[in-house]
């Protein structure tokens, strides 16, 4: 009878970690992996505190917030369209796309303002 797979090679039954050098190497590798793959409890335990440098006044009404958002988007649209004249190629096309997204956001905010207080 023909055997398809050959006999496996004889292996040494001793553990590869019995040698002092290989055991130290294994411990060093474990420390390196733990350092990069397991963040310490200090990093994960620290709660993230949001910055309070810029805060929207919680007492402002919705209409005021939407008006400010609309004006900010309109200003961003004007700045983007002014900058487009100084660019060429793919950079110009990318900025035109950004300007279009800004304009769509401005239209959405304007629609929200119209629905908030419909014109009479």
C-alpha atoms as a PDB file:
ATOM      1  CA  UNK A   1       0.000   0.000   0.000  1.00  0.00           C
ATOM      2  CA  UNK A   2       1.311   3.454  -0.966  1.00  0.00           C
ATOM      3  CA  UNK A   3       1.162   6.234   1.666  1.00  0.00           C
ATOM      4  CA  UNK A   4       0.211   9.635   0.211  1.00  0.00           C
ATOM      5  CA  UNK A   5       1.849  11.720   2.902  1.00  0.00           C
ATOM      6  CA  UNK A   6       5.336  10.982   4.193  1.00  0.00           C
ATOM      7  CA  UNK A   7       6.031  10.286   7.829  1.00  0.00           C
ATOM      8  CA  UNK A   8       6.312  13.494   9.851  1.00  0.00           C
ATOM      9  CA  UNK A   9       9.837  14.419  10.874  1.00  0.00           C
ATOM     10  CA  UNK A  10      10.978  13.434  14.315  1.00  0.00           C
ATOM     11  CA  UNK A  11      10.643  16.376  16.698  1.00  0.00           C
ATOM     12  CA  UNK A  12      12.342  17.041  19.959  1.00  0.00           C
ATOM     13  CA  UNK A  13       9.804  16.464  22.770  1.00  0.00           C
ATOM     14  CA  UNK A  14      11.324  19.236  24.901  1.00  0.00           C
ATOM     15  CA  UNK A  15       9.573  22.582  25.133  1.00  0.00           C
ATOM     16  CA  UNK A  16      11.105  25.413  23.117  1.00  0.00           C
ATOM     17  CA  UNK A  17      10.863  27.565  26.253  1.00  0.00           C
ATOM     18  CA  UNK A  18      13.092  25.381  28.421  1.00  0.00           C
ATOM     19  CA  UNK A  19      16.137  27.267  27.250  1.00  0.00           C
ATOM     20  CA  UNK A  20      16.768  30.438  29.236  1.00  0.00           C
ATOM     21  CA  UNK A  21      17.364  32.534  26.103  1.00  0.00           C
ATOM     22  CA  UNK A  22      14.194  31.431  24.354  1.00  0.00           C
ATOM     23  CA  UNK A  23      12.139  31.974  27.516  1.00  0.00           C
ATOM     24  CA  UNK A  24      13.486  35.532  27.851  1.00  0.00           C
ATOM     25  CA  UNK A  25      12.780  36.132  24.184  1.00  0.00           C
ATOM     26  CA  UNK A  26       9.212  34.880  24.615  1.00  0.00           C
ATOM     27  CA  UNK A  27       8.665  37.132  27.660  1.00  0.00           C
ATOM     28  CA  UNK A  28      10.071  40.140  25.788  1.00  0.00           C
ATOM     29  CA  UNK A  29       7.775  39.435  22.839  1.00  0.00           C
ATOM     30  CA  UNK A  30       4.763  39.175  25.161  1.00  0.00           C
ATOM     31  CA  UNK A  31       5.652  42.514  26.797  1.00  0.00           C
ATOM     32  CA  UNK A  32       6.015  44.179  23.396  1.00  0.00           C
ATOM     33  CA  UNK A  33       2.677  42.826  22.189  1.00  0.00           C
ATOM     34  CA  UNK A  34       0.952  43.852  25.419  1.00  0.00           C
ATOM     35  CA  UNK A  35       2.431  47.342  25.138  1.00  0.00           C
ATOM     36  CA  UNK A  36       1.095  47.916  21.628  1.00  0.00           C
ATOM     37  CA  UNK A  37      -2.087  45.851  21.603  1.00  0.00           C
ATOM     38  CA  UNK A  38      -3.431  46.172  25.167  1.00  0.00           C
ATOM     39  CA  UNK A  39      -3.730  49.803  26.268  1.00  0.00           C
ATOM     40  CA  UNK A  40      -3.196  50.281  29.949  1.00  0.00           C
ATOM     41  CA  UNK A  41      -6.109  50.801  32.308  1.00  0.00           C
ATOM     42  CA  UNK A  42      -5.066  54.432  32.803  1.00  0.00           C
ATOM     43  CA  UNK A  43      -5.764  55.374  29.195  1.00  0.00           C
ATOM     44  CA  UNK A  44      -9.175  53.729  29.023  1.00  0.00           C
ATOM     45  CA  UNK A  45     -10.244  54.738  32.536  1.00  0.00           C
ATOM     46  CA  UNK A  46      -9.714  58.459  31.949  1.00  0.00           C
ATOM     47  CA  UNK A  47     -13.045  59.966  30.881  1.00  0.00           C
ATOM     48  CA  UNK A  48     -12.934  62.311  27.909  1.00  0.00           C
ATOM     49  CA  UNK A  49     -13.907  65.807  28.921  1.00  0.00           C
ATOM     50  CA  UNK A  50     -15.161  67.919  25.999  1.00  0.00           C
ATOM     51  CA  UNK A  51     -13.581  71.303  25.520  1.00  0.00           C
ATOM     52  CA  UNK A  52     -15.587  74.243  26.812  1.00  0.00           C
ATOM     53  CA  UNK A  53     -13.645  76.868  24.876  1.00  0.00           C
ATOM     54  CA  UNK A  54     -16.533  77.419  22.480  1.00  0.00           C
ATOM     55  CA  UNK A  55     -19.996  76.862  23.889  1.00  0.00           C
ATOM     56  CA  UNK A  56     -23.353  77.555  22.277  1.00  0.00           C
ATOM     57  CA  UNK A  57     -25.566  79.447  24.666  1.00  0.00           C
ATOM     58  CA  UNK A  58     -28.187  76.908  25.820  1.00  0.00           C
ATOM     59  CA  UNK A  59     -30.740  79.711  26.239  1.00  0.00           C
ATOM     60  CA  UNK A  60     -30.792  80.616  22.522  1.00  0.00           C
ATOM     61  CA  UNK A  61     -33.972  79.721  20.687  1.00  0.00           C
ATOM     62  CA  UNK A  62     -34.056  77.461  17.631  1.00  0.00           C
ATOM     63  CA  UNK A  63     -34.666  80.293  15.182  1.00  0.00           C
ATOM     64  CA  UNK A  64     -31.567  82.200  16.319  1.00  0.00           C
ATOM     65  CA  UNK A  65     -29.442  79.064  16.050  1.00  0.00           C
ATOM     66  CA  UNK A  66     -30.725  78.316  12.545  1.00  0.00           C
ATOM     67  CA  UNK A  67     -30.180  81.912  11.387  1.00  0.00           C
ATOM     68  CA  UNK A  68     -26.598  81.806  12.648  1.00  0.00           C
ATOM     69  CA  UNK A  69     -26.014  78.430  10.964  1.00  0.00           C
ATOM     70  CA  UNK A  70     -27.432  79.768   7.701  1.00  0.00           C
ATOM     71  CA  UNK A  71     -25.191  82.848   7.790  1.00  0.00           C
ATOM     72  CA  UNK A  72     -22.129  80.731   8.626  1.00  0.00           C
ATOM     73  CA  UNK A  73     -22.833  78.375   5.732  1.00  0.00           C
ATOM     74  CA  UNK A  74     -23.393  81.309   3.359  1.00  0.00           C
ATOM     75  CA  UNK A  75     -20.041  82.803   4.410  1.00  0.00           C
ATOM     76  CA  UNK A  76     -18.281  79.459   3.939  1.00  0.00           C
ATOM     77  CA  UNK A  77     -19.846  79.132   0.487  1.00  0.00           C
ATOM     78  CA  UNK A  78     -18.613  82.595  -0.548  1.00  0.00           C
ATOM     79  CA  UNK A  79     -15.088  81.848   0.751  1.00  0.00           C
ATOM     80  CA  UNK A  80     -14.965  78.511  -1.082  1.00  0.00           C
ATOM     81  CA  UNK A  81     -16.181  80.040  -4.342  1.00  0.00           C
ATOM     82  CA  UNK A  82     -13.638  82.875  -4.075  1.00  0.00           C
ATOM     83  CA  UNK A  83     -10.840  80.362  -3.513  1.00  0.00           C
ATOM     84  CA  UNK A  84     -11.906  78.252  -6.515  1.00  0.00           C
ATOM     85  CA  UNK A  85     -10.625  80.974  -8.872  1.00  0.00           C
ATOM     86  CA  UNK A  86      -7.072  80.412  -7.594  1.00  0.00           C
ATOM     87  CA  UNK A  87      -7.014  76.633  -8.097  1.00  0.00           C
ATOM     88  CA  UNK A  88      -6.769  74.327 -11.093  1.00  0.00           C
ATOM     89  CA  UNK A  89      -7.411  70.702 -11.874  1.00  0.00           C
ATOM     90  CA  UNK A  90      -8.557  68.194  -9.299  1.00  0.00           C
ATOM     91  CA  UNK A  91      -8.083  70.600  -6.387  1.00  0.00           C
ATOM     92  CA  UNK A  92     -10.490  73.029  -8.036  1.00  0.00           C
ATOM     93  CA  UNK A  93     -13.010  70.258  -8.682  1.00  0.00           C
ATOM     94  CA  UNK A  94     -12.772  69.058  -5.080  1.00  0.00           C
ATOM     95  CA  UNK A  95     -13.365  72.568  -3.750  1.00  0.00           C
ATOM     96  CA  UNK A  96     -16.340  73.019  -6.068  1.00  0.00           C
ATOM     97  CA  UNK A  97     -17.773  69.812  -4.610  1.00  0.00           C
ATOM     98  CA  UNK A  98     -17.231  71.109  -1.082  1.00  0.00           C
ATOM     99  CA  UNK A  99     -18.917  74.395  -2.023  1.00  0.00           C
ATOM    100  CA  UNK A 100     -21.889  72.443  -3.355  1.00  0.00           C
ATOM    101  CA  UNK A 101     -22.199  70.477  -0.102  1.00  0.00           C
ATOM    102  CA  UNK A 102     -22.075  73.770   1.827  1.00  0.00           C
ATOM    103  CA  UNK A 103     -24.802  75.191  -0.409  1.00  0.00           C
ATOM    104  CA  UNK A 104     -26.991  72.122   0.143  1.00  0.00           C
ATOM    105  CA  UNK A 105     -26.561  72.505   3.901  1.00  0.00           C
ATOM    106  CA  UNK A 106     -27.529  76.154   3.601  1.00  0.00           C
ATOM    107  CA  UNK A 107     -30.660  75.207   1.641  1.00  0.00           C
ATOM    108  CA  UNK A 108     -31.623  72.656   4.293  1.00  0.00           C
ATOM    109  CA  UNK A 109     -31.217  75.206   7.084  1.00  0.00           C
ATOM    110  CA  UNK A 110     -33.263  77.750   5.113  1.00  0.00           C
ATOM    111  CA  UNK A 111     -36.028  75.166   4.659  1.00  0.00           C
ATOM    112  CA  UNK A 112     -35.978  74.464   8.405  1.00  0.00           C
ATOM    113  CA  UNK A 113     -36.291  78.201   9.060  1.00  0.00           C
ATOM    114  CA  UNK A 114     -39.257  78.428   6.670  1.00  0.00           C
ATOM    115  CA  UNK A 115     -41.028  75.560   8.411  1.00  0.00           C
ATOM    116  CA  UNK A 116     -40.256  76.952  11.833  1.00  0.00           C
ATOM    117  CA  UNK A 117     -42.049  80.221  11.224  1.00  0.00           C
ATOM    118  CA  UNK A 118     -43.928  80.112   7.884  1.00  0.00           C
ATOM    119  CA  UNK A 119     -44.212  83.451   6.042  1.00  0.00           C
ATOM    120  CA  UNK A 120     -47.610  85.084   6.215  1.00  0.00           C
END
